[in-house]
Amino acid sequence: MKTQEDDLLVYDEDEAVTFILNYIPAEAKVRIVDDKIQYVLDVVYDFYDENGLIDEDSTEEASIDEEEMFKFIIKCAKKDKIQLSEDDIRLILDGEYEYGKSLGIYTEED
């Protein structure tokens, strides 16, 4: 039986970036390049870390406030002068979510 801990070991940021690049619409690929996707993934990790959502010793599911995380990413992108629109950030997050679902890390809430 596959555990959530096993899934976390399978998550590969390079594969996630490639998956997201393939997920986003062609017209968005002009604006959304791999470095920007990597930036958003790094900020998501920072959000998880700052909110105590990363515990390597636990396989318990965490509830993530998606709107709070989205606002955190927007704030960081503005501070770091990363040119990403809110729509572009949402596309990246949607792609990351789909990647996580493909690994079994995320499950849809009812």
C-alpha atoms as a PDB file:
ATOM      1  CA  MET A   1       0.000   0.000   0.000  1.00  0.00           C
ATOM      2  CA  LYS A   2       1.340   3.383  -1.011  1.00  0.00           C
ATOM      3  CA  THR A   3       1.520   5.948   1.790  1.00  0.00           C
ATOM      4  CA  GLN A   4       1.494   9.720   1.580  1.00  0.00           C
ATOM      5  CA  GLU A   5       5.136   9.650   2.699  1.00  0.00           C
ATOM      6  CA  ASP A   6       5.966   7.528  -0.357  1.00  0.00           C
ATOM      7  CA  ASP A   7       4.174  10.089  -2.538  1.00  0.00           C
ATOM      8  CA  LEU A   8       6.200  12.951  -1.127  1.00  0.00           C
ATOM      9  CA  LEU A   9       9.381  11.140  -2.066  1.00  0.00           C
ATOM     10  CA  VAL A  10       8.103  10.834  -5.650  1.00  0.00           C
ATOM     11  CA  TYR A  11       7.408  14.578  -6.052  1.00  0.00           C
ATOM     12  CA  ASP A  12      10.059  15.896  -8.399  1.00  0.00           C
ATOM     13  CA  GLU A  13      10.183  19.661  -8.973  1.00  0.00           C
ATOM     14  CA  ASP A  14      11.729  19.295 -12.438  1.00  0.00           C
ATOM     15  CA  GLU A  15       8.935  16.911 -13.438  1.00  0.00           C
ATOM     16  CA  ALA A  16       6.394  19.284 -11.863  1.00  0.00           C
ATOM     17  CA  VAL A  17       7.706  22.192 -13.950  1.00  0.00           C
ATOM     18  CA  THR A  18       7.531  20.102 -17.133  1.00  0.00           C
ATOM     19  CA  PHE A  19       4.031  18.899 -16.244  1.00  0.00           C
ATOM     20  CA  ILE A  20       2.847  22.472 -15.606  1.00  0.00           C
ATOM     21  CA  LEU A  21       4.389  23.734 -18.855  1.00  0.00           C
ATOM     22  CA  ASN A  22       2.442  21.027 -20.683  1.00  0.00           C
ATOM     23  CA  TYR A  23      -0.726  21.817 -18.690  1.00  0.00           C
ATOM     24  CA  ILE A  24      -0.963  25.551 -19.332  1.00  0.00           C
ATOM     25  CA  PRO A  25      -2.541  26.822 -22.580  1.00  0.00           C
ATOM     26  CA  ALA A  26      -0.217  27.603 -25.498  1.00  0.00           C
ATOM     27  CA  GLU A  27      -0.934  31.347 -25.365  1.00  0.00           C
ATOM     28  CA  ALA A  28       0.174  31.455 -21.705  1.00  0.00           C
ATOM     29  CA  LYS A  29       3.520  29.797 -22.484  1.00  0.00           C
ATOM     30  CA  VAL A  30       4.714  33.110 -23.916  1.00  0.00           C
ATOM     31  CA  ARG A  31       4.484  34.656 -20.433  1.00  0.00           C
ATOM     32  CA  ILE A  32       4.922  31.653 -18.173  1.00  0.00           C
ATOM     33  CA  VAL A  33       8.395  30.166 -18.478  1.00  0.00           C
ATOM     34  CA  ASP A  34      10.045  27.479 -16.384  1.00  0.00           C
ATOM     35  CA  ASP A  35      11.836  29.984 -14.111  1.00  0.00           C
ATOM     36  CA  LYS A  36       8.530  31.601 -13.159  1.00  0.00           C
ATOM     37  CA  ILE A  37       6.969  28.204 -12.464  1.00  0.00           C
ATOM     38  CA  GLN A  38       9.958  27.261 -10.323  1.00  0.00           C
ATOM     39  CA  TYR A  39       9.596  30.570  -8.451  1.00  0.00           C
ATOM     40  CA  VAL A  40       5.927  29.860  -7.654  1.00  0.00           C
ATOM     41  CA  LEU A  41       6.747  26.317  -6.514  1.00  0.00           C
ATOM     42  CA  ASP A  42       9.453  27.694  -4.213  1.00  0.00           C
ATOM     43  CA  VAL A  43       7.037  30.248  -2.745  1.00  0.00           C
ATOM     44  CA  VAL A  44       4.417  27.523  -2.205  1.00  0.00           C
ATOM     45  CA  TYR A  45       7.039  25.544  -0.281  1.00  0.00           C
ATOM     46  CA  ASP A  46       7.842  28.681   1.767  1.00  0.00           C
ATOM     47  CA  PHE A  47       4.126  29.107   2.516  1.00  0.00           C
ATOM     48  CA  TYR A  48       3.844  25.493   3.689  1.00  0.00           C
ATOM     49  CA  ASP A  49       6.955  25.907   5.834  1.00  0.00           C
ATOM     50  CA  GLU A  50       5.849  29.203   7.404  1.00  0.00           C
ATOM     51  CA  ASN A  51       2.445  27.751   8.242  1.00  0.00           C
ATOM     52  CA  GLY A  52       3.770  24.532   9.767  1.00  0.00           C
ATOM     53  CA  LEU A  53       2.361  22.385   6.970  1.00  0.00           C
ATOM     54  CA  ILE A  54       5.613  20.537   6.352  1.00  0.00           C
ATOM     55  CA  ASP A  55       6.262  17.761   8.824  1.00  0.00           C
ATOM     56  CA  GLU A  56       8.546  15.076   7.475  1.00  0.00           C
ATOM     57  CA  ASP A  57       7.643  12.757  10.350  1.00  0.00           C
ATOM     58  CA  SER A  58       3.920  12.809   9.608  1.00  0.00           C
ATOM     59  CA  THR A  59       1.828  11.392   6.799  1.00  0.00           C
ATOM     60  CA  GLU A  60      -1.307  13.111   8.094  1.00  0.00           C
ATOM     61  CA  GLU A  61      -3.232  15.195   5.568  1.00  0.00           C
ATOM     62  CA  ALA A  62      -3.079  18.950   6.006  1.00  0.00           C
ATOM     63  CA  SER A  63      -5.808  21.407   5.150  1.00  0.00           C
ATOM     64  CA  ILE A  64      -4.494  24.284   3.040  1.00  0.00           C
ATOM     65  CA  ASP A  65      -6.211  27.658   2.814  1.00  0.00           C
ATOM     66  CA  GLU A  66      -5.831  28.107  -0.942  1.00  0.00           C
ATOM     67  CA  GLU A  67      -6.918  31.758  -0.932  1.00  0.00           C
ATOM     68  CA  GLU A  68      -4.391  32.599   1.801  1.00  0.00           C
ATOM     69  CA  MET A  69      -1.666  30.797  -0.151  1.00  0.00           C
ATOM     70  CA  PHE A  70      -2.651  32.648  -3.348  1.00  0.00           C
ATOM     71  CA  LYS A  71      -2.429  36.030  -1.584  1.00  0.00           C
ATOM     72  CA  PHE A  72       0.956  35.028  -0.122  1.00  0.00           C
ATOM     73  CA  ILE A  73       2.286  34.218  -3.615  1.00  0.00           C
ATOM     74  CA  ILE A  74       1.003  37.515  -5.042  1.00  0.00           C
ATOM     75  CA  LYS A  75       2.640  39.442  -2.193  1.00  0.00           C
ATOM     76  CA  CYS A  76       5.970  37.637  -2.658  1.00  0.00           C
ATOM     77  CA  ALA A  77       5.918  38.081  -6.448  1.00  0.00           C
ATOM     78  CA  LYS A  78       5.335  41.828  -6.079  1.00  0.00           C
ATOM     79  CA  LYS A  79       8.071  42.114  -3.463  1.00  0.00           C
ATOM     80  CA  ASP A  80      10.513  40.137  -5.633  1.00  0.00           C
ATOM     81  CA  LYS A  81       9.414  41.998  -8.797  1.00  0.00           C
ATOM     82  CA  ILE A  82       8.399  38.802 -10.586  1.00  0.00           C
ATOM     83  CA  GLN A  83       6.167  39.633 -13.563  1.00  0.00           C
ATOM     84  CA  LEU A  84       3.220  37.291 -13.093  1.00  0.00           C
ATOM     85  CA  SER A  85      -0.442  38.197 -13.313  1.00  0.00           C
ATOM     86  CA  GLU A  86      -2.972  36.744 -10.894  1.00  0.00           C
ATOM     87  CA  ASP A  87      -4.328  34.639 -13.764  1.00  0.00           C
ATOM     88  CA  ASP A  88      -0.840  33.295 -14.524  1.00  0.00           C
ATOM     89  CA  ILE A  89      -0.331  32.375 -10.867  1.00  0.00           C
ATOM     90  CA  ARG A  90      -3.680  30.571 -10.840  1.00  0.00           C
ATOM     91  CA  LEU A  91      -2.705  28.642 -14.000  1.00  0.00           C
ATOM     92  CA  ILE A  92       0.554  27.556 -12.378  1.00  0.00           C
ATOM     93  CA  LEU A  93      -1.232  26.533  -9.163  1.00  0.00           C
ATOM     94  CA  ASP A  94      -3.854  24.616 -11.146  1.00  0.00           C
ATOM     95  CA  GLY A  95      -1.092  22.796 -13.010  1.00  0.00           C
ATOM     96  CA  GLU A  96       0.749  22.014  -9.776  1.00  0.00           C
ATOM     97  CA  TYR A  97      -2.483  20.680  -8.274  1.00  0.00           C
ATOM     98  CA  GLU A  98      -3.037  18.435 -11.301  1.00  0.00           C
ATOM     99  CA  TYR A  99       0.556  17.190 -11.029  1.00  0.00           C
ATOM    100  CA  GLY A 100       0.041  16.403  -7.338  1.00  0.00           C
ATOM    101  CA  LYS A 101      -3.238  14.604  -8.119  1.00  0.00           C
ATOM    102  CA  SER A 102      -1.446  12.525 -10.762  1.00  0.00           C
ATOM    103  CA  LEU A 103       0.918  11.319  -8.028  1.00  0.00           C
ATOM    104  CA  GLY A 104      -1.837  10.751  -5.491  1.00  0.00           C
ATOM    105  CA  ILE A 105      -0.553  13.504  -3.193  1.00  0.00           C
ATOM    106  CA  TYR A 106      -3.708  15.623  -3.459  1.00  0.00           C
ATOM    107  CA  THR A 107      -7.272  14.435  -3.290  1.00  0.00           C
ATOM    108  CA  GLU A 108     -10.331  16.403  -4.246  1.00  0.00           C
ATOM    109  CA  GLU A 109     -12.495  17.479  -1.347  1.00  0.00           C
ATOM    110  CA  ASP A 110     -16.163  16.596  -1.539  1.00  0.00           C
END
